[in-house]
Amino acid sequence: MPLKRYLSSAAFIAAFATSPLAAKSLVFCSDASPEGFDPALYTSITTFDASSRTIFNRIVEFETGTTNVVPGLAESWEVSDDKLEYTFHLRKGVKFHSNSSFTPTRDFNADDILFSFNRQRLADHPYHSVAESNWSYFEAMGMSERIADIIKVDDYTVKLVLNRPEAPMMSNLAMDFASIQSKEYADQMLAAGTPEKLNQAPIGTGPFVFVNYQKDAVIRYEANPDYWEGASPLDTLIFAITPDASVRYQRLKAGECQIMPYPNPADIQAMQDDPEIKVLTQEGLNVGYLAYNTLMKPFDDPRVRKALNMAVDKAAIVDVVYQRSGQIAKNPLPPTIWSYNDAVTDEPYDPEAAKALLKAAGVEDLTMKLWAMPVSRAYNPNARRMAEMMQSDFEKVGVTAEIISYEWGEYLSRSKSKDRDGAALLGWIGDNGDPDNFLSVLLGCDAVGGSNAANWCFEPYDELIQKAKTTSDKAERTRLYKEAQIIAKEQAPMLNIAHSVDFMPMSQKVDGYKIHPMGTHIFYGVDIQD
């Protein structure tokens, strides 16, 4: 039942950990507050953890712990020979959640599919412009240009029609932005003048039901007893929002939470030595990077970008910030993904050559902003420390960098701006296991002003990645993506810093948790042993 009033984070957790209604309660010490609860509006894992992976489902899903696409709200599908039509046969008897404002009168059906996609792709849709944010991921993936139509064949059959073949389409449909909303709920909220409730009081079909959110403190969920795959072993799921990694560790040791993400690299050995804690590990599908705003001078000059790249001692950063739990990145694509181009030569660490290149570009006494993330991530465990090391490196080549930061949601929003000053530390964790999800989303023209924080649109590069999307020949796609990586290295729109190992510390009492390669944290199927 919802609380009559909000409690402090510790009191809130204690109240439900001891509640007879919560026979099994798992507390996740999450790293930051979600930007909202409508996953189509955002791109951060923190928000996906709190929304798409708990509350919602998609037409198809990724099998937990893999990049394999499996049935979701669609039981089966067929693809036409020309790869332009996808026909989905939807699951019957799937129930939507309810809350104090809404009780569904029907099960999930094709209308919900059409609503969930059309609100993102059609400018004249009633919900297209009601959101405070935008459909950044949908646009970054170029979905508006790829989808010609979505047709309701009958209540439980939907046909997706494309303008051209899109090789990663099935994987794209399993991504968080493709989470399925209730059209009935949306219609009622729009009629009531409260369309924002889709983002504040979410309704989905997923394994957990949203109960309430105390901003910057706690999110509470209860197991969905009507979940179509079967109810979760957990009765209650609690996100205890804990931005500081050291505090998350203390809470884990004290038993105040059972799972924590993004540990300090310096703490990992102690965690592994603790008999009460187990630490799962996996090679990360990620990259940490520094994105220059290539629309602003002098970062519109590739010589300046290359010079700054040569000024940074990446080996020292990996040693100090990642504590040797990462490896130097030379490409935006991690080496664990097919089509990685190992033949690419990275820029050397060479301050003298950097100074000479800056001089050749006519740049002297450059002053710039250096943006440092306020949160820790596997791809960047300590952005502030990294920024300080870069600041020192830049100073050696005559560049003055001012370190700035913002609250995480504001940081993400501001870093996408086309008039952003300077360079921003960011990172990416693959969402579907396809190279397109890095090379297009981070550097494609469709993603400028969104996930392409470098705001870099270079036609020779973009032509290659667009061509790669249209063929299902993996060898040809590999060739095109390898060529694209060469161009990205030559043009240097961003400094690729490191790929990291994922570490997931948890109580020994946790059963069934799997590290997901896309970086999100999935609690359906997880159990707590007494």
Protein backbone atom coordinates (compact mmCIF):
# COMPACT_ATOMS: atom_id res chain seq x y z
CA MET A 1 0.00 0.00 0.00
CA PRO A 2 1.27 3.55 -0.65
CA LEU A 3 2.66 5.40 2.35
CA LYS A 4 0.60 8.18 3.93
CA ARG A 5 3.75 10.30 3.95
CA TYR A 6 7.30 9.95 2.73
CA LEU A 7 9.93 8.73 5.16
CA SER A 8 13.65 9.26 5.20
CA SER A 9 15.50 6.83 2.98
CA ALA A 10 16.76 4.66 5.85
CA ALA A 11 13.39 4.65 7.61
CA PHE A 12 11.60 3.87 4.37
CA ILE A 13 13.83 0.88 3.69
CA ALA A 14 13.52 -0.37 7.27
CA ALA A 15 9.73 -0.06 7.20
CA PHE A 16 9.37 -2.35 4.24
CA ALA A 17 12.21 -4.69 5.07
CA THR A 18 10.31 -5.67 8.22
CA SER A 19 6.77 -5.47 6.81
CA PRO A 20 4.83 -8.74 6.92
CA LEU A 21 3.53 -7.80 3.47
CA ALA A 22 7.09 -7.86 2.15
CA ALA A 23 8.11 -11.47 2.73
CA LYS A 24 10.92 -10.95 0.25
CA SER A 25 12.24 -7.46 -0.26
CA LEU A 26 15.32 -6.55 -2.26
CA VAL A 27 16.99 -3.16 -1.85
CA PHE A 28 19.12 -1.89 -4.73
CA CYS A 29 21.47 0.96 -3.83
CA SER A 30 21.08 2.83 -7.11
CA ASP A 31 23.59 5.45 -8.13
CA ALA A 32 21.39 8.41 -9.09
CA SER A 33 17.84 9.66 -9.45
CA PRO A 34 15.94 8.82 -12.63
CA GLU A 35 15.16 11.68 -14.98
CA GLY A 36 11.60 10.38 -15.17
CA PHE A 37 9.71 7.14 -15.71
CA ASP A 38 8.91 7.26 -19.43
CA PRO A 39 11.92 5.52 -21.00
CA ALA A 40 11.22 6.87 -24.51
CA LEU A 41 12.18 10.35 -23.34
CA TYR A 42 15.66 9.56 -22.04
CA THR A 43 18.92 7.75 -22.76
CA SER A 44 20.48 7.06 -19.33
CA ILE A 45 20.81 3.64 -17.72
CA THR A 46 19.74 5.08 -14.37
CA THR A 47 16.36 5.97 -15.89
CA PHE A 48 16.08 2.66 -17.76
CA ASP A 49 16.76 0.75 -14.53
CA ALA A 50 13.92 2.61 -12.81
CA SER A 51 11.46 2.41 -15.69
CA SER A 52 11.83 0.18 -18.73
CA ARG A 53 13.48 -2.76 -16.96
CA THR A 54 11.07 -2.84 -14.04
CA ILE A 55 7.72 -1.43 -15.19
CA PHE A 56 7.53 -2.07 -18.94
CA ASN A 57 7.88 -4.64 -21.69
CA ARG A 58 8.66 -4.41 -25.39
CA ILE A 59 7.47 -6.26 -28.50
CA VAL A 60 10.62 -8.35 -28.25
CA GLU A 61 13.11 -8.56 -25.40
CA PHE A 62 16.76 -9.30 -24.82
CA GLU A 63 17.27 -12.53 -22.94
CA THR A 64 18.70 -11.45 -19.59
CA GLY A 65 22.48 -11.71 -19.61
CA THR A 66 22.74 -11.92 -23.42
CA THR A 67 22.09 -9.93 -26.59
CA ASN A 68 19.76 -12.64 -27.92
CA VAL A 69 16.37 -11.34 -29.06
CA VAL A 70 13.47 -13.40 -27.69
CA PRO A 71 9.66 -13.04 -27.73
CA GLY A 72 8.16 -10.35 -25.52
CA LEU A 73 4.72 -8.86 -26.03
CA ALA A 74 4.88 -10.47 -29.47
CA GLU A 75 4.80 -14.26 -29.34
CA SER A 76 6.08 -14.66 -32.91
CA TRP A 77 6.81 -12.70 -36.08
CA GLU A 78 7.60 -12.97 -39.77
CA VAL A 79 9.85 -10.80 -41.93
CA SER A 80 9.17 -10.34 -45.66
CA ASP A 81 11.77 -11.45 -48.19
CA ASP A 82 12.59 -7.84 -49.05
CA LYS A 83 13.09 -7.08 -45.32
CA LEU A 84 10.60 -4.20 -45.47
CA GLU A 85 7.66 -5.72 -43.57
CA TYR A 86 7.67 -7.19 -40.06
CA THR A 87 4.45 -8.85 -38.95
CA PHE A 88 4.09 -9.38 -35.20
CA HIS A 89 1.59 -11.71 -33.55
CA LEU A 90 0.84 -10.30 -30.12
CA ARG A 91 0.44 -12.10 -26.83
CA LYS A 92 -3.12 -12.33 -25.49
CA GLY A 93 -4.23 -11.92 -21.88
CA VAL A 94 -1.46 -9.45 -20.88
CA LYS A 95 -2.64 -7.12 -18.10
CA PHE A 96 -1.67 -3.49 -17.56
CA HIS A 97 -0.96 -2.20 -14.06
CA SER A 98 -3.37 0.12 -12.26
CA ASN A 99 -2.95 3.06 -9.87
CA SER A 100 -5.09 5.55 -8.00
CA SER A 101 -5.85 7.42 -11.24
CA PHE A 102 -6.38 4.50 -13.59
CA THR A 103 -7.89 1.03 -13.74
CA PRO A 104 -7.60 -0.66 -17.14
CA THR A 105 -10.78 -1.91 -18.80
CA ARG A 106 -9.03 -4.10 -21.36
CA ASP A 107 -5.91 -6.18 -21.89
CA PHE A 108 -2.88 -5.09 -23.89
CA ASN A 109 -3.49 -5.09 -27.65
CA ALA A 110 -2.34 -3.63 -30.98
CA ASP A 111 -3.60 -0.13 -30.12
CA ASP A 112 -0.90 0.12 -27.47
CA ILE A 113 1.82 -0.73 -29.99
CA LEU A 114 0.62 1.93 -32.41
CA PHE A 115 0.35 4.54 -29.65
CA SER A 116 3.82 3.82 -28.25
CA PHE A 117 5.55 4.28 -31.62
CA ASN A 118 3.33 6.87 -33.28
CA ARG A 119 3.70 9.35 -30.41
CA GLN A 120 7.44 9.30 -31.13
CA ARG A 121 7.38 9.37 -34.92
CA LEU A 122 4.38 11.55 -35.87
CA ALA A 123 4.67 15.30 -35.30
CA ASP A 124 0.88 15.71 -35.31
CA HIS A 125 0.28 13.01 -32.69
CA PRO A 126 -1.45 14.40 -29.55
CA TYR A 127 1.40 13.15 -27.35
CA HIS A 128 4.29 14.11 -29.58
CA SER A 129 4.86 17.53 -28.04
CA VAL A 130 3.44 17.15 -24.53
CA ALA A 131 6.67 15.85 -23.05
CA GLU A 132 9.15 18.08 -21.26
CA SER A 133 11.98 16.27 -23.05
CA ASN A 134 12.10 14.89 -26.58
CA TRP A 135 12.24 11.52 -28.29
CA SER A 136 16.03 11.64 -28.42
CA TYR A 137 16.74 7.92 -28.70
CA PHE A 138 14.07 7.32 -31.35
CA GLU A 139 15.56 10.16 -33.39
CA ALA A 140 19.17 9.12 -32.73
CA MET A 141 18.34 5.69 -34.13
CA GLY A 142 16.83 7.31 -37.23
CA MET A 143 13.56 5.51 -36.60
CA SER A 144 11.39 8.33 -37.95
CA GLU A 145 13.06 8.01 -41.34
CA ARG A 146 13.11 4.20 -41.32
CA ILE A 147 9.48 3.52 -40.40
CA ALA A 148 7.02 4.12 -43.25
CA ASP A 149 3.95 2.93 -41.38
CA ILE A 150 2.65 0.87 -38.48
CA ILE A 151 -0.53 -0.99 -39.38
CA LYS A 152 -3.06 -2.60 -37.08
CA VAL A 153 -4.07 -5.77 -38.92
CA ASP A 154 -6.34 -6.83 -36.06
CA ASP A 155 -6.33 -6.52 -32.25
CA TYR A 156 -3.42 -8.94 -31.94
CA THR A 157 -1.52 -8.48 -35.19
CA VAL A 158 0.67 -5.50 -36.11
CA LYS A 159 2.64 -4.87 -39.28
CA LEU A 160 5.71 -2.63 -39.21
CA VAL A 161 6.57 -1.27 -42.68
CA LEU A 162 10.01 0.19 -43.40
CA ASN A 163 11.21 2.62 -46.05
CA ARG A 164 14.35 0.57 -46.52
CA PRO A 165 15.93 -2.55 -44.98
CA GLU A 166 17.33 -2.01 -41.48
CA ALA A 167 19.66 -4.83 -40.43
CA PRO A 168 19.53 -4.19 -36.64
CA MET A 169 15.74 -3.59 -36.55
CA MET A 170 14.82 -6.57 -34.33
CA SER A 171 17.51 -5.60 -31.83
CA ASN A 172 16.34 -1.98 -31.99
CA LEU A 173 12.81 -3.03 -31.06
CA ALA A 174 14.12 -4.70 -27.89
CA MET A 175 15.66 -1.45 -26.69
CA ASP A 176 14.31 0.70 -23.87
CA PHE A 177 12.86 3.50 -26.00
CA ALA A 178 10.54 0.90 -27.57
CA SER A 179 8.80 0.16 -24.24
CA ILE A 180 5.05 -0.24 -24.67
CA GLN A 181 2.67 2.18 -22.95
CA SER A 182 -1.08 1.88 -22.35
CA LYS A 183 -3.04 3.90 -24.92
CA GLU A 184 -6.09 3.75 -22.65
CA TYR A 185 -4.15 5.31 -19.77
CA ALA A 186 -2.66 7.95 -22.08
CA ASP A 187 -6.07 8.88 -23.46
CA GLN A 188 -7.56 9.24 -19.99
CA MET A 189 -4.66 11.38 -18.75
CA LEU A 190 -4.78 13.60 -21.84
CA ALA A 191 -8.54 14.10 -21.37
CA ALA A 192 -7.93 14.96 -17.71
CA GLY A 193 -5.30 17.54 -18.65
CA THR A 194 -2.51 15.55 -16.98
CA PRO A 195 -0.57 13.87 -19.84
CA GLU A 196 2.63 14.22 -17.82
CA LYS A 197 1.44 11.38 -15.57
CA LEU A 198 2.82 8.91 -18.10
CA ASN A 199 6.23 10.15 -16.97
CA GLN A 200 5.42 10.63 -13.29
CA ALA A 201 3.06 7.75 -12.45
CA PRO A 202 3.93 5.07 -15.01
CA ILE A 203 1.65 2.23 -16.08
CA GLY A 204 3.14 -0.77 -17.86
CA THR A 205 2.83 -4.53 -18.25
CA GLY A 206 6.18 -5.39 -16.63
CA PRO A 207 7.16 -7.53 -13.65
CA PHE A 208 7.03 -4.69 -11.09
CA VAL A 209 4.36 -2.10 -10.36
CA PHE A 210 5.44 1.46 -9.55
CA VAL A 211 4.20 2.50 -6.08
CA ASN A 212 5.86 5.83 -5.31
CA TYR A 213 9.00 7.93 -5.59
CA GLN A 214 10.60 10.19 -3.02
CA LYS A 215 12.81 12.41 -5.15
CA ASP A 216 16.52 11.80 -4.75
CA ALA A 217 15.85 9.23 -2.00
CA VAL A 218 13.72 6.15 -2.66
CA ILE A 219 11.65 4.43 -5.35
CA ARG A 220 9.31 1.62 -4.31
CA TYR A 221 7.85 -1.13 -6.49
CA GLU A 222 5.70 -4.16 -5.76
CA ALA A 223 5.66 -7.41 -7.71
CA ASN A 224 3.04 -7.60 -10.44
CA PRO A 225 0.89 -10.61 -9.41
CA ASP A 226 -0.58 -10.81 -12.92
CA TYR A 227 2.70 -10.70 -14.83
CA TRP A 228 2.40 -12.75 -18.01
CA GLU A 229 5.70 -14.59 -17.41
CA GLY A 230 4.79 -15.33 -13.79
CA ALA A 231 5.11 -13.27 -10.63
CA SER A 232 8.58 -12.30 -9.39
CA PRO A 233 10.01 -14.25 -6.43
CA LEU A 234 10.39 -10.83 -4.79
CA ASP A 235 7.40 -9.14 -3.18
CA THR A 236 8.94 -5.68 -2.97
CA LEU A 237 11.75 -3.96 -4.86
CA ILE A 238 13.25 -0.76 -3.44
CA PHE A 239 15.74 1.60 -5.08
CA ALA A 240 17.69 3.44 -2.35
CA ILE A 241 19.24 6.31 -4.28
CA THR A 242 22.86 6.60 -3.13
CA PRO A 243 25.10 8.70 -5.40
CA ASP A 244 28.36 8.12 -3.50
CA ALA A 245 30.02 4.77 -4.29
CA SER A 246 31.67 4.60 -0.86
CA VAL A 247 28.31 5.06 0.86
CA ARG A 248 26.77 2.39 -1.37
CA TYR A 249 29.51 0.02 -0.22
CA GLN A 250 28.90 0.84 3.44
CA ARG A 251 25.18 0.20 2.99
CA LEU A 252 25.91 -3.12 1.30
CA LYS A 253 28.20 -4.18 4.17
CA ALA A 254 25.59 -3.10 6.72
CA GLY A 255 22.85 -5.09 4.99
CA GLU A 256 20.87 -1.95 4.16
CA CYS A 257 20.93 -2.98 0.51
CA GLN A 258 21.62 -6.27 -1.22
CA ILE A 259 22.99 -5.07 -4.58
CA MET A 260 25.02 -2.00 -5.58
CA PRO A 261 26.31 -0.85 -8.99
CA TYR A 262 29.50 0.96 -9.98
CA PRO A 263 31.86 0.27 -7.07
CA ASN A 264 35.02 2.28 -6.57
CA PRO A 265 37.80 0.28 -8.28
CA ALA A 266 39.89 0.70 -5.12
CA ASP A 267 37.22 -1.16 -3.10
CA ILE A 268 36.85 -4.20 -5.35
CA GLN A 269 39.58 -6.33 -3.76
CA ALA A 270 38.13 -5.80 -0.27
CA MET A 271 34.70 -6.76 -1.58
CA GLN A 272 36.08 -9.92 -3.14
CA ASP A 273 37.76 -10.81 0.16
CA ASP A 274 34.55 -10.32 2.18
CA PRO A 275 32.76 -13.67 2.79
CA GLU A 276 29.39 -11.88 2.99
CA ILE A 277 29.75 -10.31 -0.47
CA LYS A 278 30.05 -11.80 -3.92
CA VAL A 279 31.28 -9.80 -6.90
CA LEU A 280 30.16 -10.75 -10.40
CA THR A 281 32.43 -9.63 -13.25
CA GLN A 282 32.10 -9.37 -17.01
CA GLU A 283 33.90 -7.62 -19.86
CA GLY A 284 31.99 -4.40 -20.42
CA LEU A 285 30.22 -3.53 -23.66
CA ASN A 286 31.16 0.10 -23.17
CA VAL A 287 33.38 3.07 -23.90
CA GLY A 288 34.25 6.15 -21.85
CA TYR A 289 35.04 9.21 -23.94
CA LEU A 290 35.49 12.98 -24.11
CA ALA A 291 33.20 14.61 -26.71
CA TYR A 292 34.32 17.88 -28.27
CA ASN A 293 31.56 20.16 -29.54
CA THR A 294 32.61 20.15 -33.19
CA LEU A 295 30.10 22.90 -34.03
CA MET A 296 32.03 25.43 -31.93
CA LYS A 297 35.43 26.96 -32.66
CA PRO A 298 38.19 25.88 -32.36
CA PHE A 299 36.82 22.33 -31.96
CA ASP A 300 35.46 22.43 -35.51
CA ASP A 301 39.08 21.90 -36.65
CA PRO A 302 40.17 18.24 -36.55
CA ARG A 303 43.75 19.38 -35.99
CA VAL A 304 42.74 20.92 -32.66
CA ARG A 305 40.88 17.78 -31.65
CA LYS A 306 43.83 15.56 -32.60
CA ALA A 307 46.20 17.81 -30.67
CA LEU A 308 44.10 17.62 -27.52
CA ASN A 309 43.87 13.84 -27.90
CA MET A 310 47.68 13.61 -28.08
CA ALA A 311 47.96 15.77 -24.97
CA VAL A 312 46.11 13.25 -22.76
CA ASP A 313 48.02 10.46 -21.04
CA LYS A 314 45.40 7.72 -21.30
CA ALA A 315 47.66 5.08 -19.79
CA ALA A 316 47.95 7.12 -16.59
CA ILE A 317 44.17 7.61 -16.50
CA VAL A 318 43.53 3.87 -16.84
CA ASP A 319 46.04 3.20 -14.07
CA VAL A 320 44.71 5.81 -11.62
CA VAL A 321 40.98 6.08 -12.38
CA TYR A 322 40.20 2.52 -13.45
CA GLN A 323 42.74 0.92 -11.09
CA ARG A 324 43.74 -1.38 -13.96
CA SER A 325 40.15 -2.65 -14.37
CA GLY A 326 39.98 -1.14 -17.84
CA GLN A 327 41.89 -0.97 -21.08
CA ILE A 328 42.81 1.97 -23.30
CA ALA A 329 40.22 2.66 -26.00
CA LYS A 330 41.27 3.64 -29.50
CA ASN A 331 37.85 3.20 -31.17
CA PRO A 332 34.34 4.13 -30.04
CA LEU A 333 33.47 0.47 -30.57
CA PRO A 334 34.54 -1.93 -27.78
CA PRO A 335 36.74 -4.87 -28.83
CA THR A 336 34.10 -7.37 -27.66
CA ILE A 337 31.77 -6.42 -30.57
CA TRP A 338 32.11 -7.87 -34.06
CA SER A 339 33.55 -5.48 -36.68
CA TYR A 340 35.97 -3.88 -34.18
CA ASN A 341 38.92 -2.57 -36.20
CA ASP A 342 42.06 -3.53 -34.35
CA ALA A 343 44.19 -2.24 -37.24
CA VAL A 344 43.37 1.37 -36.31
CA THR A 345 46.38 3.19 -34.86
CA ASP A 346 45.65 5.27 -31.78
CA GLU A 347 47.01 8.78 -31.30
CA PRO A 348 50.24 8.64 -29.29
CA TYR A 349 50.65 10.49 -26.03
CA ASP A 350 52.94 13.25 -27.30
CA PRO A 351 52.66 16.70 -25.67
CA GLU A 352 55.31 18.24 -27.93
CA ALA A 353 53.54 17.09 -31.09
CA ALA A 354 50.26 18.34 -29.57
CA LYS A 355 51.73 21.82 -29.06
CA ALA A 356 53.06 21.88 -32.62
CA LEU A 357 49.68 20.85 -34.05
CA LEU A 358 47.85 23.50 -32.03
CA LYS A 359 50.30 26.09 -33.35
CA ALA A 360 49.78 24.88 -36.93
CA ALA A 361 46.03 25.30 -36.40
CA GLY A 362 46.59 28.88 -35.25
CA VAL A 363 45.41 28.17 -31.71
CA GLU A 364 47.22 29.82 -28.81
CA ASP A 365 46.27 30.29 -25.15
CA LEU A 366 43.11 28.23 -25.57
CA THR A 367 40.70 28.33 -22.64
CA MET A 368 37.95 25.71 -22.58
CA LYS A 369 35.32 24.12 -20.38
CA LEU A 370 35.92 20.52 -19.33
CA TRP A 371 32.70 18.83 -18.24
CA ALA A 372 32.94 16.18 -15.51
CA MET A 373 30.07 13.76 -14.85
CA PRO A 374 28.68 13.94 -11.29
CA VAL A 375 28.11 10.18 -11.12
CA SER A 376 30.30 7.09 -11.31
CA ARG A 377 29.82 4.59 -14.10
CA ALA A 378 31.58 1.42 -15.14
CA TYR A 379 32.88 3.30 -18.18
CA ASN A 380 34.04 6.17 -15.93
CA PRO A 381 34.40 5.36 -12.22
CA ASN A 382 35.57 8.85 -11.23
CA ALA A 383 34.97 11.58 -13.79
CA ARG A 384 36.15 14.36 -11.48
CA ARG A 385 39.54 12.73 -10.97
CA MET A 386 39.77 12.04 -14.71
CA ALA A 387 38.99 15.66 -15.49
CA GLU A 388 41.68 16.84 -13.07
CA MET A 389 44.26 14.63 -14.79
CA MET A 390 43.18 15.94 -18.20
CA GLN A 391 43.29 19.50 -16.90
CA SER A 392 46.92 18.94 -15.89
CA ASP A 393 47.74 17.34 -19.25
CA PHE A 394 46.15 20.20 -21.20
CA GLU A 395 48.05 22.76 -19.14
CA LYS A 396 51.31 21.19 -20.35
CA VAL A 397 50.40 22.09 -23.95
CA GLY A 398 49.23 25.62 -23.13
CA VAL A 399 45.51 24.89 -22.81
CA THR A 400 43.58 26.10 -19.75
CA ALA A 401 40.62 23.89 -18.86
CA GLU A 402 37.95 24.90 -16.36
CA ILE A 403 36.23 21.87 -14.82
CA ILE A 404 32.45 22.21 -14.51
CA SER A 405 29.63 19.85 -13.58
CA TYR A 406 25.89 19.74 -12.96
CA GLU A 407 23.31 17.44 -11.40
CA TRP A 408 23.15 14.28 -13.53
CA GLY A 409 19.86 14.94 -15.30
CA GLU A 410 20.86 18.52 -16.07
CA TYR A 411 24.33 17.37 -17.14
CA LEU A 412 22.85 14.97 -19.68
CA SER A 413 20.48 17.61 -21.00
CA ARG A 414 23.06 20.40 -21.25
CA SER A 415 25.76 18.16 -22.73
CA LYS A 416 23.55 17.53 -25.79
CA SER A 417 23.23 21.23 -26.61
CA LYS A 418 24.56 22.34 -29.99
CA ASP A 419 26.02 25.47 -28.38
CA ARG A 420 27.65 23.66 -25.45
CA ASP A 421 30.98 25.20 -24.54
CA GLY A 422 33.97 22.87 -24.48
CA ALA A 423 34.24 19.10 -24.16
CA ALA A 424 32.17 16.71 -22.06
CA LEU A 425 33.16 13.48 -20.35
CA LEU A 426 30.52 10.87 -21.15
CA GLY A 427 30.28 7.19 -21.95
CA TRP A 428 28.15 4.60 -23.63
CA ILE A 429 27.05 1.08 -22.84
CA GLY A 430 25.72 -0.87 -25.81
CA ASP A 431 21.96 -1.28 -25.90
CA ASN A 432 21.58 -4.09 -28.41
CA GLY A 433 24.93 -5.76 -29.15
CA ASP A 434 25.09 -4.32 -32.68
CA PRO A 435 27.95 -2.05 -33.87
CA ASP A 436 25.33 0.37 -35.18
CA ASN A 437 24.37 1.13 -31.59
CA PHE A 438 27.79 2.72 -31.05
CA LEU A 439 28.82 4.01 -34.45
CA SER A 440 25.46 5.54 -35.40
CA VAL A 441 24.18 6.57 -31.99
CA LEU A 442 27.41 8.26 -30.88
CA LEU A 443 28.61 9.75 -34.17
CA GLY A 444 25.84 9.57 -36.76
CA CYS A 445 24.22 12.65 -38.29
CA ASP A 446 20.77 11.54 -37.07
CA ALA A 447 21.99 11.75 -33.48
CA VAL A 448 23.37 15.34 -33.58
CA GLY A 449 21.76 17.32 -30.76
CA GLY A 450 21.03 14.07 -28.93
CA SER A 451 23.27 11.12 -28.14
CA ASN A 452 25.92 12.45 -30.55
CA ALA A 453 27.37 14.85 -27.96
CA ALA A 454 30.21 15.74 -30.34
CA ASN A 455 27.56 17.19 -32.69
CA TRP A 456 29.67 15.73 -35.49
CA CYS A 457 28.07 15.11 -38.88
CA PHE A 458 30.62 14.00 -41.47
CA GLU A 459 29.08 12.77 -44.70
CA PRO A 460 31.79 10.24 -45.75
CA TYR A 461 31.43 8.57 -42.34
CA ASP A 462 27.64 8.76 -42.28
CA GLU A 463 27.30 7.26 -45.76
CA LEU A 464 29.22 4.19 -44.59
CA ILE A 465 27.15 3.55 -41.47
CA GLN A 466 23.88 4.18 -43.30
CA LYS A 467 24.88 1.71 -46.02
CA ALA A 468 25.81 -0.84 -43.34
CA LYS A 469 22.30 -0.64 -41.91
CA THR A 470 20.67 -1.66 -45.17
CA THR A 471 22.42 -4.99 -45.75
CA SER A 472 22.02 -8.21 -43.81
CA ASP A 473 25.39 -9.46 -45.12
CA LYS A 474 27.50 -9.48 -41.94
CA ALA A 475 30.79 -9.57 -43.83
CA GLU A 476 29.82 -6.46 -45.81
CA ARG A 477 28.60 -4.70 -42.69
CA THR A 478 31.90 -5.54 -40.99
CA ARG A 479 33.88 -4.06 -43.89
CA LEU A 480 31.86 -0.85 -43.82
CA TYR A 481 32.07 -0.45 -40.05
CA LYS A 482 35.84 -1.01 -40.08
CA GLU A 483 36.21 1.70 -42.70
CA ALA A 484 34.02 4.03 -40.63
CA GLN A 485 36.27 3.53 -37.61
CA ILE A 486 39.27 4.64 -39.67
CA ILE A 487 37.49 7.87 -40.62
CA ALA A 488 36.42 8.48 -37.01
CA LYS A 489 40.02 8.14 -35.89
CA GLU A 490 41.25 10.53 -38.59
CA GLN A 491 38.62 13.16 -37.78
CA ALA A 492 38.78 12.70 -33.97
CA PRO A 493 35.37 14.10 -32.95
CA MET A 494 35.98 12.61 -29.53
CA LEU A 495 38.76 11.18 -27.42
CA ASN A 496 38.14 7.48 -26.81
CA ILE A 497 39.51 6.88 -23.32
CA ALA A 498 38.80 3.40 -21.98
CA HIS A 499 36.71 0.24 -22.03
CA SER A 500 36.07 -1.15 -18.57
CA VAL A 501 35.22 -4.38 -16.81
CA ASP A 502 31.77 -4.52 -15.18
CA PHE A 503 31.80 -5.35 -11.46
CA MET A 504 28.54 -6.10 -9.63
CA PRO A 505 28.85 -6.52 -5.83
CA MET A 506 25.96 -8.07 -3.93
CA SER A 507 25.02 -9.95 -0.81
CA GLN A 508 25.66 -13.69 -0.80
CA LYS A 509 21.91 -14.02 -0.17
CA VAL A 510 21.09 -12.83 -3.69
CA ASP A 511 20.18 -15.60 -6.11
CA GLY A 512 19.65 -15.49 -9.86
CA TYR A 513 21.11 -12.09 -10.67
CA LYS A 514 22.88 -11.86 -14.05
CA ILE A 515 25.05 -9.03 -15.34
CA HIS A 516 23.33 -7.72 -18.44
CA PRO A 517 25.70 -6.81 -21.31
CA MET A 518 23.69 -3.65 -22.04
CA GLY A 519 24.51 -2.31 -18.57
CA THR A 520 20.97 -2.15 -17.22
CA HIS A 521 20.09 -3.86 -13.96
CA ILE A 522 17.31 -6.44 -14.22
CA PHE A 523 15.61 -7.80 -11.11
CA TYR A 524 12.95 -10.07 -12.57
CA GLY A 525 13.99 -13.63 -11.73
CA VAL A 526 16.17 -12.50 -8.80
CA ASP A 527 15.50 -14.04 -5.39
CA ILE A 528 16.68 -13.50 -1.82
CA GLN A 529 17.63 -16.51 0.29
CA ASP A 530 17.11 -16.50 4.04
